[in-house]
Amino acid sequence: MNRPARRALGQALALGTLLALAVAAHAKPAKYEIDPDHLSLGFLVHHLGYAKVLGMFRKASGAYVFDEETGALSDVRIVIDTASVYTNHQKRDDHLRSADFLNAVEFPQMTFTADKAKRTAERTFVIEGRLELLGRTNPVTLEATWNKSGEYAIGSFFGGKPYVMGVSARGSFKRSAFGMQYGLDNGWVGDEVHLIVEFEARRQ
């Protein structure tokens, strides 16, 4: 093999090594912190059977580990401040914070955790997790869609643009499973709670 050929081969091998390292670095699982300013945690519950009340929790935080290359999701943890419940009605919100519902004084937080998720398509996942509420823990499943990932298009954080992932998720649970019985027997308040989760998360 002449000198130009050896040089070309060496350059090709070096390029291949760099590409392999780049792929390996990209595939590495990364921790994501949910941006509290771009986190919406909503819920819908039937009221007297007429219509559903839309509410939300205004204070929460969370994180997870995600590998973009393989789609592996793990270590999901979302912590919600129960006293931050809001339905645009002060008297109702105070009632929701009471022992009839969230009992926010005794149980200031509820927590959703999941060890892993099942990838059902290129950008959809089923997350079989656990919700801890009112001192009880029960399974709760979220169906999640990975909307987009990339360098943030607007603003700057700490002198640079972060890498951001956006997710939409939906799920439901029965509040009676957590011992929340108020309004069930007379049909005033529905048992099933429909969850609406929307967030952006920054890669660390």
N, C-alpha and C. Protein backbone atom coordinates (compact mmCIF):
# COMPACT_ATOMS: atom_id res chain seq x y z
N MET A 1 0.86 -1.20 0.00
CA MET A 1 0.00 0.00 0.00
C MET A 1 0.89 1.24 0.00
N ASN A 2 0.68 2.15 -0.96
CA ASN A 2 1.50 3.34 -1.03
C ASN A 2 1.12 4.35 0.05
N ARG A 3 1.94 5.41 0.14
CA ARG A 3 1.73 6.39 1.21
C ARG A 3 0.39 7.10 1.13
N PRO A 4 -0.06 7.59 -0.03
CA PRO A 4 -1.39 8.24 -0.10
C PRO A 4 -2.52 7.31 0.33
N ALA A 5 -2.41 6.03 -0.05
CA ALA A 5 -3.45 5.08 0.32
C ALA A 5 -3.47 4.86 1.83
N ARG A 6 -2.26 4.75 2.42
CA ARG A 6 -2.19 4.56 3.88
C ARG A 6 -2.76 5.78 4.60
N ARG A 7 -2.45 6.96 4.06
CA ARG A 7 -2.95 8.19 4.68
C ARG A 7 -4.48 8.24 4.60
N ALA A 8 -5.02 7.88 3.45
CA ALA A 8 -6.48 7.89 3.29
C ALA A 8 -7.13 6.88 4.22
N LEU A 9 -6.50 5.71 4.36
CA LEU A 9 -7.04 4.70 5.26
C LEU A 9 -7.01 5.18 6.70
N GLY A 10 -5.90 5.82 7.08
CA GLY A 10 -5.79 6.34 8.44
C GLY A 10 -6.82 7.40 8.73
N GLN A 11 -7.07 8.27 7.75
CA GLN A 11 -8.08 9.31 7.94
C GLN A 11 -9.48 8.72 8.07
N ALA A 12 -9.74 7.69 7.26
CA ALA A 12 -11.05 7.02 7.32
C ALA A 12 -11.27 6.36 8.67
N LEU A 13 -10.20 5.70 9.17
CA LEU A 13 -10.32 5.05 10.48
C LEU A 13 -10.52 6.08 11.59
N ALA A 14 -9.83 7.20 11.50
CA ALA A 14 -9.97 8.25 12.51
C ALA A 14 -11.38 8.82 12.49
N LEU A 15 -11.90 9.05 11.25
CA LEU A 15 -13.25 9.58 11.12
C LEU A 15 -14.26 8.60 11.68
N GLY A 16 -14.06 7.31 11.38
CA GLY A 16 -14.96 6.28 11.90
C GLY A 16 -14.96 6.25 13.42
N THR A 17 -13.79 6.40 14.00
CA THR A 17 -13.69 6.41 15.46
C THR A 17 -14.43 7.59 16.06
N LEU A 18 -14.26 8.77 15.43
CA LEU A 18 -14.95 9.96 15.92
C LEU A 18 -16.46 9.81 15.81
N LEU A 19 -16.93 9.25 14.70
CA LEU A 19 -18.36 9.05 14.53
C LEU A 19 -18.91 8.07 15.55
N ALA A 20 -18.15 7.00 15.82
CA ALA A 20 -18.58 6.02 16.81
C ALA A 20 -18.67 6.65 18.19
N LEU A 21 -17.69 7.50 18.51
CA LEU A 21 -17.72 8.18 19.81
C LEU A 21 -18.89 9.14 19.89
N ALA A 22 -19.17 9.81 18.78
CA ALA A 22 -20.30 10.76 18.77
C ALA A 22 -21.61 10.03 18.97
N VAL A 23 -21.80 8.89 18.29
CA VAL A 23 -23.02 8.11 18.45
C VAL A 23 -23.16 7.60 19.87
N ALA A 24 -22.04 7.10 20.43
CA ALA A 24 -22.07 6.59 21.80
C ALA A 24 -22.44 7.69 22.78
N ALA A 25 -21.90 8.91 22.55
CA ALA A 25 -22.21 10.02 23.45
C ALA A 25 -23.67 10.42 23.33
N HIS A 26 -24.19 10.40 22.09
CA HIS A 26 -25.59 10.78 21.87
C HIS A 26 -26.54 9.77 22.51
N ALA A 27 -26.12 8.49 22.48
CA ALA A 27 -27.00 7.44 22.98
C ALA A 27 -26.98 7.31 24.49
N LYS A 28 -26.08 8.03 25.12
CA LYS A 28 -25.95 7.90 26.56
C LYS A 28 -27.20 8.42 27.26
N PRO A 29 -27.77 7.66 28.20
CA PRO A 29 -28.93 8.16 28.95
C PRO A 29 -28.60 9.47 29.67
N ALA A 30 -29.54 10.39 29.66
CA ALA A 30 -29.32 11.69 30.27
C ALA A 30 -30.44 12.00 31.25
N LYS A 31 -30.11 12.76 32.27
CA LYS A 31 -31.12 13.18 33.23
C LYS A 31 -31.79 14.45 32.72
N TYR A 32 -33.10 14.50 32.89
CA TYR A 32 -33.90 15.66 32.51
C TYR A 32 -34.60 16.21 33.75
N GLU A 33 -34.53 17.52 33.91
CA GLU A 33 -35.24 18.21 34.99
C GLU A 33 -36.45 18.92 34.39
N ILE A 34 -37.63 18.66 34.92
CA ILE A 34 -38.83 19.32 34.41
C ILE A 34 -38.80 20.80 34.79
N ASP A 35 -39.06 21.64 33.80
CA ASP A 35 -39.08 23.08 34.01
C ASP A 35 -40.39 23.46 34.70
N PRO A 36 -40.35 23.92 35.96
CA PRO A 36 -41.60 24.24 36.68
C PRO A 36 -42.40 25.36 36.03
N ASP A 37 -41.73 26.20 35.22
CA ASP A 37 -42.44 27.28 34.54
C ASP A 37 -43.15 26.79 33.29
N HIS A 38 -42.86 25.58 32.88
CA HIS A 38 -43.52 25.00 31.71
C HIS A 38 -44.04 23.61 32.05
N LEU A 39 -44.72 23.54 33.17
CA LEU A 39 -45.33 22.31 33.65
C LEU A 39 -46.79 22.58 33.97
N SER A 40 -47.68 21.84 33.34
CA SER A 40 -49.11 21.96 33.61
C SER A 40 -49.63 20.60 34.07
N LEU A 41 -50.19 20.58 35.28
CA LEU A 41 -50.77 19.36 35.85
C LEU A 41 -52.25 19.62 36.09
N GLY A 42 -53.07 19.12 35.19
CA GLY A 42 -54.50 19.37 35.29
C GLY A 42 -55.29 18.11 35.60
N PHE A 43 -56.55 18.30 35.99
CA PHE A 43 -57.43 17.17 36.25
C PHE A 43 -58.87 17.55 35.94
N LEU A 44 -59.67 16.53 35.65
CA LEU A 44 -61.09 16.68 35.38
C LEU A 44 -61.86 15.70 36.25
N VAL A 45 -62.90 16.19 36.95
CA VAL A 45 -63.72 15.34 37.80
C VAL A 45 -65.19 15.75 37.63
N HIS A 46 -66.07 14.76 37.50
CA HIS A 46 -67.49 15.05 37.34
C HIS A 46 -68.08 15.74 38.58
N HIS A 47 -68.95 16.71 38.35
CA HIS A 47 -69.65 17.42 39.42
C HIS A 47 -71.15 17.23 39.23
N LEU A 48 -71.76 16.44 40.13
CA LEU A 48 -73.20 16.17 40.11
C LEU A 48 -73.67 15.51 38.81
N GLY A 49 -72.72 15.02 38.02
CA GLY A 49 -73.07 14.39 36.77
C GLY A 49 -73.37 15.35 35.64
N TYR A 50 -73.36 16.66 35.90
CA TYR A 50 -73.69 17.64 34.88
C TYR A 50 -72.51 17.93 33.96
N ALA A 51 -71.36 18.19 34.55
CA ALA A 51 -70.16 18.54 33.78
C ALA A 51 -68.94 18.25 34.64
N LYS A 52 -67.79 18.29 34.01
CA LYS A 52 -66.55 18.04 34.74
C LYS A 52 -65.91 19.36 35.17
N VAL A 53 -65.44 19.38 36.40
CA VAL A 53 -64.69 20.53 36.90
C VAL A 53 -63.23 20.37 36.45
N LEU A 54 -62.68 21.44 35.88
CA LEU A 54 -61.28 21.45 35.48
C LEU A 54 -60.45 22.13 36.56
N GLY A 55 -59.45 21.43 37.05
CA GLY A 55 -58.57 21.99 38.06
C GLY A 55 -57.12 21.74 37.70
N MET A 56 -56.23 22.26 38.53
CA MET A 56 -54.80 22.07 38.29
C MET A 56 -54.03 22.21 39.60
N PHE A 57 -52.79 21.79 39.56
CA PHE A 57 -51.87 22.00 40.67
C PHE A 57 -50.80 22.97 40.17
N ARG A 58 -50.62 24.07 40.92
CA ARG A 58 -49.76 25.14 40.44
C ARG A 58 -48.32 25.03 40.91
N LYS A 59 -48.01 24.02 41.72
CA LYS A 59 -46.64 23.86 42.20
C LYS A 59 -46.25 22.39 42.16
N ALA A 60 -45.21 22.08 41.39
CA ALA A 60 -44.73 20.70 41.28
C ALA A 60 -43.31 20.72 40.72
N SER A 61 -42.63 19.60 40.86
CA SER A 61 -41.28 19.45 40.32
C SER A 61 -41.09 18.00 39.91
N GLY A 62 -40.08 17.77 39.09
CA GLY A 62 -39.87 16.39 38.67
C GLY A 62 -38.61 16.20 37.85
N ALA A 63 -38.27 14.93 37.63
CA ALA A 63 -37.09 14.58 36.84
C ALA A 63 -37.23 13.15 36.35
N TYR A 64 -36.41 12.80 35.37
CA TYR A 64 -36.39 11.44 34.84
C TYR A 64 -35.11 11.25 34.04
N VAL A 65 -34.85 10.01 33.65
CA VAL A 65 -33.69 9.68 32.82
C VAL A 65 -34.21 9.13 31.49
N PHE A 66 -33.65 9.66 30.38
CA PHE A 66 -34.12 9.25 29.06
C PHE A 66 -32.96 9.09 28.10
N ASP A 67 -33.03 8.05 27.27
CA ASP A 67 -32.05 7.79 26.22
C ASP A 67 -32.74 7.98 24.87
N GLU A 68 -32.39 9.05 24.18
CA GLU A 68 -33.04 9.34 22.91
C GLU A 68 -32.83 8.23 21.87
N GLU A 69 -31.66 7.64 21.88
CA GLU A 69 -31.33 6.65 20.86
C GLU A 69 -32.17 5.38 21.00
N THR A 70 -32.32 4.91 22.24
CA THR A 70 -33.04 3.64 22.47
C THR A 70 -34.48 3.85 22.91
N GLY A 71 -34.81 5.06 23.37
CA GLY A 71 -36.15 5.31 23.89
C GLY A 71 -36.36 4.80 25.29
N ALA A 72 -35.28 4.43 25.98
CA ALA A 72 -35.39 3.91 27.34
C ALA A 72 -35.66 5.05 28.32
N LEU A 73 -36.72 4.90 29.10
CA LEU A 73 -37.12 5.90 30.09
C LEU A 73 -37.09 5.26 31.46
N SER A 74 -36.50 5.96 32.44
CA SER A 74 -36.40 5.38 33.78
C SER A 74 -36.35 6.49 34.83
N ASP A 75 -36.45 6.07 36.08
CA ASP A 75 -36.30 6.96 37.24
C ASP A 75 -37.22 8.18 37.18
N VAL A 76 -38.46 7.95 36.80
CA VAL A 76 -39.44 9.04 36.74
C VAL A 76 -39.91 9.39 38.15
N ARG A 77 -39.91 10.67 38.47
CA ARG A 77 -40.39 11.12 39.78
C ARG A 77 -40.97 12.52 39.65
N ILE A 78 -42.25 12.67 39.96
CA ILE A 78 -42.92 13.97 39.94
C ILE A 78 -43.55 14.19 41.31
N VAL A 79 -43.19 15.28 41.95
CA VAL A 79 -43.68 15.61 43.29
C VAL A 79 -44.60 16.83 43.19
N ILE A 80 -45.81 16.69 43.73
CA ILE A 80 -46.84 17.71 43.59
C ILE A 80 -47.23 18.26 44.95
N ASP A 81 -47.29 19.57 45.06
CA ASP A 81 -47.71 20.25 46.28
C ASP A 81 -49.24 20.24 46.32
N THR A 82 -49.83 19.48 47.24
CA THR A 82 -51.29 19.33 47.26
C THR A 82 -52.00 20.63 47.61
N ALA A 83 -51.36 21.49 48.38
CA ALA A 83 -51.99 22.76 48.75
C ALA A 83 -52.07 23.72 47.57
N SER A 84 -51.37 23.41 46.48
CA SER A 84 -51.38 24.30 45.32
C SER A 84 -52.55 24.04 44.38
N VAL A 85 -53.51 23.20 44.81
CA VAL A 85 -54.67 22.90 43.96
C VAL A 85 -55.45 24.18 43.66
N TYR A 86 -55.95 24.27 42.42
CA TYR A 86 -56.64 25.48 41.99
C TYR A 86 -57.73 25.13 40.98
N THR A 87 -58.97 25.60 41.26
CA THR A 87 -60.08 25.36 40.33
C THR A 87 -60.84 26.66 40.00
N ASN A 88 -60.22 27.79 40.33
CA ASN A 88 -60.82 29.10 40.06
C ASN A 88 -62.07 29.36 40.90
N HIS A 89 -62.10 28.76 42.10
CA HIS A 89 -63.23 28.95 43.01
C HIS A 89 -62.69 28.77 44.43
N GLN A 90 -62.53 29.87 45.17
CA GLN A 90 -61.83 29.84 46.44
C GLN A 90 -62.44 28.86 47.44
N LYS A 91 -63.77 28.89 47.58
CA LYS A 91 -64.43 28.01 48.55
C LYS A 91 -64.21 26.54 48.19
N ARG A 92 -64.30 26.23 46.92
CA ARG A 92 -64.08 24.85 46.48
C ARG A 92 -62.61 24.46 46.68
N ASP A 93 -61.70 25.36 46.39
CA ASP A 93 -60.28 25.05 46.57
C ASP A 93 -59.96 24.78 48.04
N ASP A 94 -60.53 25.58 48.95
CA ASP A 94 -60.32 25.35 50.38
C ASP A 94 -60.87 23.98 50.78
N HIS A 95 -62.02 23.61 50.20
CA HIS A 95 -62.60 22.30 50.51
C HIS A 95 -61.71 21.17 49.99
N LEU A 96 -61.14 21.35 48.81
CA LEU A 96 -60.26 20.33 48.25
C LEU A 96 -59.00 20.14 49.09
N ARG A 97 -58.55 21.20 49.75
CA ARG A 97 -57.37 21.09 50.61
C ARG A 97 -57.69 20.44 51.96
N SER A 98 -58.97 20.34 52.29
CA SER A 98 -59.38 19.82 53.60
C SER A 98 -59.27 18.30 53.66
N ALA A 99 -59.58 17.75 54.84
CA ALA A 99 -59.50 16.31 55.06
C ALA A 99 -60.52 15.54 54.24
N ASP A 100 -61.55 16.20 53.69
CA ASP A 100 -62.52 15.52 52.83
C ASP A 100 -61.88 15.05 51.52
N PHE A 101 -60.81 15.75 51.12
CA PHE A 101 -60.20 15.42 49.83
C PHE A 101 -58.68 15.21 49.99
N LEU A 102 -57.88 16.23 49.73
CA LEU A 102 -56.43 16.08 49.68
C LEU A 102 -55.74 16.11 51.03
N ASN A 103 -56.43 16.64 52.05
CA ASN A 103 -55.85 16.71 53.40
C ASN A 103 -54.42 17.27 53.34
N ALA A 104 -54.30 18.46 52.77
CA ALA A 104 -52.99 19.04 52.46
C ALA A 104 -52.14 19.33 53.69
N VAL A 105 -52.76 19.52 54.85
CA VAL A 105 -51.96 19.78 56.06
C VAL A 105 -51.20 18.52 56.47
N GLU A 106 -51.90 17.39 56.51
CA GLU A 106 -51.26 16.13 56.92
C GLU A 106 -50.44 15.51 55.80
N PHE A 107 -50.87 15.71 54.54
CA PHE A 107 -50.18 15.13 53.39
C PHE A 107 -49.87 16.24 52.38
N PRO A 108 -48.81 17.00 52.62
CA PRO A 108 -48.50 18.16 51.78
C PRO A 108 -48.03 17.81 50.37
N GLN A 109 -47.71 16.55 50.13
CA GLN A 109 -47.24 16.16 48.80
C GLN A 109 -47.91 14.89 48.32
N MET A 110 -48.08 14.77 47.03
CA MET A 110 -48.36 13.48 46.42
C MET A 110 -47.30 13.26 45.35
N THR A 111 -46.95 12.00 45.12
CA THR A 111 -45.78 11.70 44.30
C THR A 111 -46.09 10.60 43.30
N PHE A 112 -45.71 10.84 42.05
CA PHE A 112 -45.80 9.81 41.00
C PHE A 112 -44.40 9.34 40.68
N THR A 113 -44.19 8.02 40.68
CA THR A 113 -42.89 7.45 40.35
C THR A 113 -43.08 6.30 39.37
N ALA A 114 -42.04 6.06 38.57
CA ALA A 114 -42.05 4.93 37.65
C ALA A 114 -40.60 4.50 37.40
N ASP A 115 -40.38 3.21 37.38
CA ASP A 115 -39.03 2.69 37.16
C ASP A 115 -38.67 2.66 35.68
N LYS A 116 -39.66 2.44 34.83
CA LYS A 116 -39.40 2.32 33.39
C LYS A 116 -40.70 2.55 32.63
N ALA A 117 -40.60 2.50 31.31
CA ALA A 117 -41.77 2.68 30.45
C ALA A 117 -41.68 1.73 29.26
N LYS A 118 -42.84 1.47 28.67
CA LYS A 118 -42.89 0.65 27.47
C LYS A 118 -43.09 1.55 26.26
N ARG A 119 -42.19 1.42 25.30
CA ARG A 119 -42.30 2.21 24.08
C ARG A 119 -43.28 1.52 23.14
N THR A 120 -44.34 2.23 22.74
CA THR A 120 -45.38 1.61 21.91
C THR A 120 -45.29 2.02 20.45
N ALA A 121 -44.59 3.12 20.16
CA ALA A 121 -44.35 3.58 18.79
C ALA A 121 -43.14 4.50 18.86
N GLU A 122 -42.82 5.14 17.72
CA GLU A 122 -41.61 5.96 17.70
C GLU A 122 -41.62 7.03 18.78
N ARG A 123 -42.78 7.63 19.04
CA ARG A 123 -42.83 8.73 20.00
C ARG A 123 -43.92 8.57 21.06
N THR A 124 -44.38 7.37 21.27
CA THR A 124 -45.39 7.14 22.31
C THR A 124 -44.92 6.07 23.29
N PHE A 125 -45.36 6.24 24.54
CA PHE A 125 -44.94 5.37 25.62
C PHE A 125 -46.10 5.10 26.57
N VAL A 126 -46.06 3.95 27.21
CA VAL A 126 -46.96 3.64 28.31
C VAL A 126 -46.10 3.57 29.57
N ILE A 127 -46.43 4.43 30.52
CA ILE A 127 -45.65 4.51 31.76
C ILE A 127 -46.50 3.93 32.89
N GLU A 128 -46.14 2.76 33.35
CA GLU A 128 -46.86 2.11 34.44
C GLU A 128 -46.15 2.47 35.75
N GLY A 129 -46.75 3.43 36.45
CA GLY A 129 -46.11 3.95 37.64
C GLY A 129 -46.94 3.75 38.89
N ARG A 130 -46.58 4.52 39.92
CA ARG A 130 -47.25 4.45 41.22
C ARG A 130 -47.53 5.87 41.70
N LEU A 131 -48.74 6.05 42.23
CA LEU A 131 -49.10 7.35 42.81
C LEU A 131 -49.26 7.19 44.31
N GLU A 132 -48.52 8.00 45.05
CA GLU A 132 -48.64 8.03 46.51
C GLU A 132 -49.48 9.24 46.89
N LEU A 133 -50.62 8.99 47.53
CA LEU A 133 -51.56 10.04 47.88
C LEU A 133 -52.29 9.65 49.15
N LEU A 134 -52.39 10.57 50.09
CA LEU A 134 -53.08 10.32 51.36
C LEU A 134 -52.53 9.10 52.10
N GLY A 135 -51.23 8.90 51.98
CA GLY A 135 -50.59 7.81 52.70
C GLY A 135 -50.76 6.45 52.05
N ARG A 136 -51.37 6.39 50.89
CA ARG A 136 -51.56 5.13 50.17
C ARG A 136 -50.85 5.20 48.83
N THR A 137 -50.44 4.03 48.33
CA THR A 137 -49.78 3.95 47.03
C THR A 137 -50.52 2.96 46.15
N ASN A 138 -50.90 3.42 44.96
CA ASN A 138 -51.63 2.58 44.00
C ASN A 138 -51.06 2.77 42.60
N PRO A 139 -51.22 1.75 41.74
CA PRO A 139 -50.72 1.88 40.37
C PRO A 139 -51.51 2.91 39.57
N VAL A 140 -50.80 3.70 38.78
CA VAL A 140 -51.41 4.65 37.86
C VAL A 140 -50.62 4.59 36.56
N THR A 141 -51.33 4.48 35.45
CA THR A 141 -50.69 4.39 34.14
C THR A 141 -50.88 5.69 33.36
N LEU A 142 -49.79 6.18 32.79
CA LEU A 142 -49.83 7.36 31.93
C LEU A 142 -49.49 6.95 30.50
N GLU A 143 -50.24 7.47 29.54
CA GLU A 143 -49.91 7.31 28.12
C GLU A 143 -49.27 8.61 27.67
N ALA A 144 -48.01 8.52 27.28
CA ALA A 144 -47.23 9.73 27.01
C ALA A 144 -46.80 9.83 25.56
N THR A 145 -46.72 11.06 25.07
CA THR A 145 -46.23 11.35 23.73
C THR A 145 -45.01 12.26 23.83
N TRP A 146 -43.93 11.83 23.20
CA TRP A 146 -42.70 12.63 23.13
C TRP A 146 -42.87 13.58 21.94
N ASN A 147 -43.15 14.84 22.23
CA ASN A 147 -43.50 15.79 21.19
C ASN A 147 -42.30 16.27 20.38
N LYS A 148 -41.23 16.62 21.09
CA LYS A 148 -40.11 17.27 20.41
C LYS A 148 -38.92 17.34 21.33
N SER A 149 -37.73 17.25 20.76
CA SER A 149 -36.49 17.49 21.49
C SER A 149 -35.57 18.34 20.63
N GLY A 150 -34.83 19.23 21.25
CA GLY A 150 -33.88 20.05 20.50
C GLY A 150 -33.42 21.24 21.30
N GLU A 151 -32.48 21.96 20.72
CA GLU A 151 -31.99 23.18 21.36
C GLU A 151 -33.12 24.19 21.43
N TYR A 152 -33.29 24.80 22.61
CA TYR A 152 -34.42 25.70 22.83
C TYR A 152 -34.36 26.87 21.86
N ALA A 153 -35.50 27.17 21.26
CA ALA A 153 -35.54 28.16 20.19
C ALA A 153 -35.58 29.60 20.69
N ILE A 154 -36.02 29.81 21.93
CA ILE A 154 -36.16 31.17 22.43
C ILE A 154 -35.44 31.31 23.76
N GLY A 155 -34.99 32.54 24.05
CA GLY A 155 -34.41 32.83 25.34
C GLY A 155 -33.07 32.16 25.53
N SER A 156 -32.48 32.38 26.68
CA SER A 156 -31.22 31.76 27.03
C SER A 156 -31.23 31.43 28.52
N PHE A 157 -30.52 30.39 28.88
CA PHE A 157 -30.44 29.96 30.26
C PHE A 157 -28.98 29.86 30.64
N PHE A 158 -28.57 30.65 31.63
CA PHE A 158 -27.21 30.60 32.14
C PHE A 158 -26.20 30.78 31.00
N GLY A 159 -26.50 31.70 30.08
CA GLY A 159 -25.56 32.02 29.03
C GLY A 159 -25.64 31.16 27.80
N GLY A 160 -26.56 30.22 27.73
CA GLY A 160 -26.68 29.38 26.54
C GLY A 160 -28.06 28.81 26.41
N LYS A 161 -28.33 28.22 25.26
CA LYS A 161 -29.63 27.61 25.03
C LYS A 161 -29.60 26.14 25.46
N PRO A 162 -30.52 25.73 26.31
CA PRO A 162 -30.52 24.33 26.77
C PRO A 162 -31.12 23.39 25.74
N TYR A 163 -30.87 22.12 25.94
CA TYR A 163 -31.51 21.08 25.14
C TYR A 163 -32.78 20.67 25.87
N VAL A 164 -33.92 20.79 25.19
CA VAL A 164 -35.22 20.65 25.86
C VAL A 164 -36.05 19.54 25.20
N MET A 165 -36.79 18.83 26.04
CA MET A 165 -37.70 17.77 25.59
C MET A 165 -39.11 18.15 26.02
N GLY A 166 -40.08 17.97 25.11
CA GLY A 166 -41.47 18.28 25.43
C GLY A 166 -42.33 17.04 25.42
N VAL A 167 -43.21 16.92 26.41
CA VAL A 167 -44.01 15.70 26.60
C VAL A 167 -45.46 16.06 26.93
N SER A 168 -46.40 15.28 26.37
CA SER A 168 -47.80 15.32 26.75
C SER A 168 -48.19 13.95 27.28
N ALA A 169 -48.94 13.90 28.38
CA ALA A 169 -49.34 12.62 28.96
C ALA A 169 -50.76 12.69 29.49
N ARG A 170 -51.43 11.56 29.46
CA ARG A 170 -52.79 11.46 29.97
C ARG A 170 -52.92 10.17 30.78
N GLY A 171 -53.83 10.19 31.74
CA GLY A 171 -54.08 9.02 32.58
C GLY A 171 -55.31 9.24 33.42
N SER A 172 -55.60 8.29 34.31
CA SER A 172 -56.74 8.43 35.21
C SER A 172 -56.57 7.48 36.40
N PHE A 173 -57.30 7.78 37.46
CA PHE A 173 -57.34 6.88 38.62
C PHE A 173 -58.63 7.15 39.38
N LYS A 174 -58.98 6.22 40.24
CA LYS A 174 -60.17 6.38 41.09
C LYS A 174 -59.72 6.89 42.45
N ARG A 175 -60.29 8.01 42.86
CA ARG A 175 -59.87 8.60 44.14
C ARG A 175 -60.28 7.74 45.32
N SER A 176 -61.33 6.92 45.15
CA SER A 176 -61.74 6.03 46.25
C SER A 176 -60.65 5.03 46.60
N ALA A 177 -59.77 4.71 45.64
CA ALA A 177 -58.67 3.78 45.91
C ALA A 177 -57.69 4.35 46.94
N PHE A 178 -57.75 5.66 47.13
CA PHE A 178 -56.87 6.31 48.10
C PHE A 178 -57.64 6.71 49.37
N GLY A 179 -58.86 6.22 49.50
CA GLY A 179 -59.66 6.51 50.68
C GLY A 179 -60.39 7.84 50.62
N MET A 180 -60.48 8.45 49.45
CA MET A 180 -61.15 9.73 49.29
C MET A 180 -62.61 9.46 48.93
N GLN A 181 -63.48 9.49 49.92
CA GLN A 181 -64.86 9.03 49.74
C GLN A 181 -65.90 10.14 49.63
N TYR A 182 -65.51 11.38 49.92
CA TYR A 182 -66.51 12.46 49.99
C TYR A 182 -67.27 12.58 48.66
N GLY A 183 -68.60 12.65 48.75
CA GLY A 183 -69.45 12.90 47.61
C GLY A 183 -69.68 11.72 46.70
N LEU A 184 -69.22 10.53 47.09
CA LEU A 184 -69.40 9.36 46.24
C LEU A 184 -70.80 8.77 46.38
N ASP A 185 -71.25 8.57 47.60
CA ASP A 185 -72.54 7.90 47.83
C ASP A 185 -73.71 8.68 47.25
N ASN A 186 -73.66 10.00 47.34
CA ASN A 186 -74.78 10.81 46.84
C ASN A 186 -74.56 11.31 45.41
N GLY A 187 -73.43 10.95 44.81
CA GLY A 187 -73.16 11.32 43.42
C GLY A 187 -72.77 12.76 43.19
N TRP A 188 -72.38 13.46 44.25
CA TRP A 188 -72.01 14.86 44.08
C TRP A 188 -70.69 15.03 43.33
N VAL A 189 -69.73 14.15 43.65
CA VAL A 189 -68.39 14.25 43.05
C VAL A 189 -68.02 12.91 42.44
N GLY A 190 -67.55 12.92 41.22
CA GLY A 190 -67.18 11.69 40.54
C GLY A 190 -66.00 10.99 41.19
N ASP A 191 -65.91 9.70 40.96
CA ASP A 191 -64.81 8.91 41.51
C ASP A 191 -63.57 8.97 40.62
N GLU A 192 -63.78 8.94 39.31
CA GLU A 192 -62.64 8.89 38.40
C GLU A 192 -62.04 10.28 38.17
N VAL A 193 -60.73 10.36 38.32
CA VAL A 193 -59.98 11.59 38.11
C VAL A 193 -59.17 11.44 36.82
N HIS A 194 -59.46 12.29 35.84
CA HIS A 194 -58.72 12.27 34.58
C HIS A 194 -57.54 13.25 34.66
N LEU A 195 -56.37 12.77 34.31
CA LEU A 195 -55.15 13.56 34.44
C LEU A 195 -54.72 14.14 33.10
N ILE A 196 -54.24 15.37 33.15
CA ILE A 196 -53.70 16.08 31.98
C ILE A 196 -52.31 16.58 32.36
N VAL A 197 -51.28 16.09 31.70
CA VAL A 197 -49.90 16.46 32.03
C VAL A 197 -49.21 16.99 30.78
N GLU A 198 -48.67 18.19 30.88
CA GLU A 198 -47.91 18.81 29.79
C GLU A 198 -46.65 19.44 30.38
N PHE A 199 -45.50 19.16 29.79
CA PHE A 199 -44.28 19.78 30.35
C PHE A 199 -43.15 19.85 29.35
N GLU A 200 -42.21 20.74 29.66
CA GLU A 200 -40.91 20.82 29.00
C GLU A 200 -39.86 20.48 30.04
N ALA A 201 -38.84 19.74 29.63
CA ALA A 201 -37.79 19.33 30.55
C ALA A 201 -36.42 19.62 29.94
N ARG A 202 -35.49 20.11 30.77
CA ARG A 202 -34.14 20.46 30.31
C ARG A 202 -33.18 19.31 30.57
N ARG A 203 -32.39 18.98 29.57
CA ARG A 203 -31.37 17.95 29.74
C ARG A 203 -30.22 18.53 30.55
N GLN A 204 -29.78 17.75 31.54
CA GLN A 204 -28.72 18.22 32.45
C GLN A 204 -27.32 17.90 31.89
